[in-house]
C-alpha cells in the first residue's frame, strides 16, 4: 500500500516537472523569436541605410542623379543609365522581398512588417520608374512576393 502511494506521488511529481519544463521551453522559444525578430529588424535597417548612403554621399552624385531621374522620368535615361537604375532598384527592393519572406515564414513580427511594407509601398509610388523596374525585374522574385507587389501597384492611384 505504501509503495502504491509513493508511486502516485512520484508520478504526480514527474508530471508537474514535465509541465514546468514545457512552460520553460515555451518561454525560451518566445524569447528566441523576439530576439530573432529584433536582429532581422536591425539587418533590414542596415540594408536600407547602405542604400541611402549610396544616394547621399558626395562620391555618388551621378548615381543619385540616375536614380532620381529614373524614378520620375525613366524615359529620359539612356540605355546604360536605365540599366543602372533597374539594377540599383532591384538590389534596393531585395530588402522588401527579404522582409516579405521573413514575415511570411513567421520570423518578422506583424508591426515591423507593416512598417517596412508601408515604406516600400510608398517608395514604388514615387514615380513611374518603379513600374519600369518592376516590368523588367519581376520575374526574378519569389512568386508570392510578385503577387504582393502586383497588388500594391494596383491599390495606389496612378502617378502623373
Protein backbone atom coordinates (compact mmCIF):
# COMPACT_ATOMS: atom_id res chain seq x y z
CA UNK A 1 0.00 0.00 0.00
CA UNK A 2 2.76 2.43 0.89
CA UNK A 3 4.58 1.78 -2.39
CA UNK A 4 1.37 2.50 -4.36
CA UNK A 5 1.01 5.91 -2.67
CA UNK A 6 4.68 6.65 -3.22
CA UNK A 7 4.37 5.72 -6.91
CA UNK A 8 1.36 8.02 -7.30
CA UNK A 9 3.24 10.91 -5.70
CA UNK A 10 6.27 10.23 -7.87
CA UNK A 11 4.09 10.13 -10.99
CA UNK A 12 2.40 13.38 -9.99
CA UNK A 13 5.81 14.98 -9.34
CA UNK A 14 7.12 13.77 -12.68
CA UNK A 15 4.05 15.15 -14.49
CA UNK A 16 4.41 18.52 -12.75
CA UNK A 17 8.10 18.53 -13.72
CA UNK A 18 7.19 17.87 -17.37
CA UNK A 19 4.65 20.71 -17.31
CA UNK A 20 7.18 23.11 -15.81
CA UNK A 21 9.73 22.03 -18.41
CA UNK A 22 7.23 22.65 -21.23
CA UNK A 23 6.41 26.10 -19.86
CA UNK A 24 10.10 26.99 -19.66
CA UNK A 25 10.62 25.71 -23.20
CA UNK A 26 7.70 27.84 -24.47
CA UNK A 27 9.15 30.92 -22.75
CA UNK A 28 12.58 30.23 -24.26
CA UNK A 29 11.09 29.82 -27.75
CA UNK A 30 9.19 33.08 -27.36
CA UNK A 31 12.31 34.88 -26.20
CA UNK A 32 14.34 33.46 -29.13
CA UNK A 33 11.62 34.52 -31.58
CA UNK A 34 11.68 38.07 -30.22
CA UNK A 35 15.47 38.15 -30.38
CA UNK A 36 15.43 36.87 -33.96
CA UNK A 37 12.88 39.50 -34.94
CA UNK A 38 14.99 42.25 -33.39
CA UNK A 39 18.10 41.07 -35.25
CA UNK A 40 16.16 40.91 -38.53
CA UNK A 41 14.88 44.43 -37.98
CA UNK A 42 18.41 45.68 -37.43
CA UNK A 43 19.62 43.86 -40.55
CA UNK A 44 16.87 45.45 -42.62
CA UNK A 45 17.73 48.88 -41.21
CA UNK A 46 21.36 48.33 -42.16
CA UNK A 47 20.40 47.26 -45.67
CA UNK A 48 18.23 50.37 -46.12
CA UNK A 49 20.92 52.60 -44.61
CA UNK A 50 23.52 51.26 -47.04
CA UNK A 51 21.34 52.22 -49.99
CA UNK A 52 20.56 55.62 -48.55
CA UNK A 53 24.26 56.31 -48.00
CA UNK A 54 24.94 55.46 -51.65
CA UNK A 55 22.47 58.13 -52.71
CA UNK A 56 23.52 60.88 -50.32
CA UNK A 57 27.28 60.60 -50.44
CA UNK A 58 29.16 63.20 -52.44
CA UNK A 59 31.09 60.47 -54.26
CA UNK A 60 27.89 59.10 -55.82
CA UNK A 61 26.23 62.21 -57.22
CA UNK A 62 25.98 60.54 -60.64
CA UNK A 63 24.17 57.51 -59.18
CA UNK A 64 21.80 59.73 -57.21
CA UNK A 65 21.01 61.67 -60.37
CA UNK A 66 20.31 58.44 -62.26
CA UNK A 67 18.06 57.10 -59.51
CA UNK A 68 16.06 60.29 -59.06
CA UNK A 69 15.64 60.80 -62.81
CA UNK A 70 14.81 57.11 -63.15
CA UNK A 71 12.07 57.41 -60.55
CA UNK A 72 10.36 60.36 -62.21
CA UNK A 73 11.34 60.24 -65.88
CA UNK A 74 12.74 56.83 -66.80
CA UNK A 75 12.36 57.63 -70.49
CA UNK A 76 14.98 60.39 -70.07
CA UNK A 77 17.68 57.84 -69.23
CA UNK A 78 19.95 56.38 -71.87
CA UNK A 79 20.20 52.57 -72.04
CA UNK A 80 23.20 52.34 -69.72
CA UNK A 81 21.69 54.65 -67.08
CA UNK A 82 18.34 52.87 -67.31
CA UNK A 83 20.10 49.57 -66.65
CA UNK A 84 21.89 51.15 -63.66
CA UNK A 85 18.55 52.40 -62.33
CA UNK A 86 16.91 48.98 -62.76
CA UNK A 87 19.82 47.15 -61.13
CA UNK A 88 20.10 49.61 -58.24
CA UNK A 89 16.35 49.42 -57.67
CA UNK A 90 16.35 45.63 -57.87
CA UNK A 91 19.07 45.50 -55.24
CA UNK A 92 17.24 48.07 -53.14
CA UNK A 93 13.97 46.14 -53.39
CA UNK A 94 15.73 42.98 -52.27
CA UNK A 95 15.18 44.37 -48.79
CA UNK A 96 11.42 44.43 -49.39
CA UNK A 97 11.43 40.87 -50.66
CA UNK A 98 13.52 39.78 -47.69
CA UNK A 99 11.10 41.37 -45.21
CA UNK A 100 8.19 39.76 -47.07
CA UNK A 101 9.73 36.29 -46.95
CA UNK A 102 10.73 36.65 -43.29
CA UNK A 103 7.22 37.84 -42.41
CA UNK A 104 5.60 35.09 -44.45
CA UNK A 105 7.72 32.49 -42.62
CA UNK A 106 6.82 33.95 -39.22
CA UNK A 107 10.28 35.34 -38.49
CA UNK A 108 9.31 39.01 -38.70
CA UNK A 109 6.57 40.42 -36.49
CA UNK A 110 3.39 42.00 -37.81
CA UNK A 111 4.26 45.52 -36.65
CA UNK A 112 7.70 45.50 -38.28
CA UNK A 113 6.28 44.02 -41.48
CA UNK A 114 3.59 46.70 -41.70
CA UNK A 115 6.14 49.49 -41.21
CA UNK A 116 8.54 48.19 -43.86
CA UNK A 117 5.79 47.26 -46.29
CA UNK A 118 4.29 50.75 -46.00
CA UNK A 119 7.70 52.35 -46.61
CA UNK A 120 8.46 50.27 -49.71
CA UNK A 121 4.89 50.62 -50.98
CA UNK A 122 5.18 54.40 -50.78
CA UNK A 123 8.59 54.25 -52.46
CA UNK A 124 7.34 52.43 -55.54
CA UNK A 125 4.62 55.03 -56.00
CA UNK A 126 7.09 57.94 -56.09
CA UNK A 127 7.22 57.85 -59.85
CA UNK A 128 6.65 55.79 -62.98
CA UNK A 129 10.22 54.49 -62.96
CA UNK A 130 9.30 51.87 -60.41
CA UNK A 131 6.76 50.37 -62.81
CA UNK A 132 9.54 50.22 -65.42
CA UNK A 133 11.76 48.46 -62.86
CA UNK A 134 9.01 46.00 -61.93
CA UNK A 135 8.21 45.14 -65.52
CA UNK A 136 11.91 44.46 -66.14
CA UNK A 137 12.74 42.63 -62.91
CA UNK A 138 9.51 40.99 -61.71
CA UNK A 139 10.48 37.53 -62.93
CA UNK A 140 13.46 37.41 -60.56
CA UNK A 141 11.43 37.50 -57.36
CA UNK A 142 9.58 34.96 -55.25
CA UNK A 143 6.12 34.20 -56.71
CA UNK A 144 4.30 35.21 -53.51
CA UNK A 145 6.24 38.45 -53.44
CA UNK A 146 5.37 39.07 -57.10
CA UNK A 147 1.69 38.75 -56.22
CA UNK A 148 2.08 41.13 -53.28
CA UNK A 149 3.86 43.82 -55.31
CA UNK A 150 1.30 43.47 -58.10
CA UNK A 151 -1.43 44.17 -55.53
CA UNK A 152 0.46 47.18 -54.18
CA UNK A 153 0.73 48.64 -57.69
CA UNK A 154 -2.99 48.03 -58.28
CA UNK A 155 -4.10 49.66 -55.00
CA UNK A 156 -2.41 53.01 -55.41
CA UNK A 157 -3.51 55.76 -57.74
CA UNK A 158 -1.61 56.21 -60.97
CA UNK A 159 1.22 58.73 -60.72
CA UNK A 160 1.08 61.55 -63.25
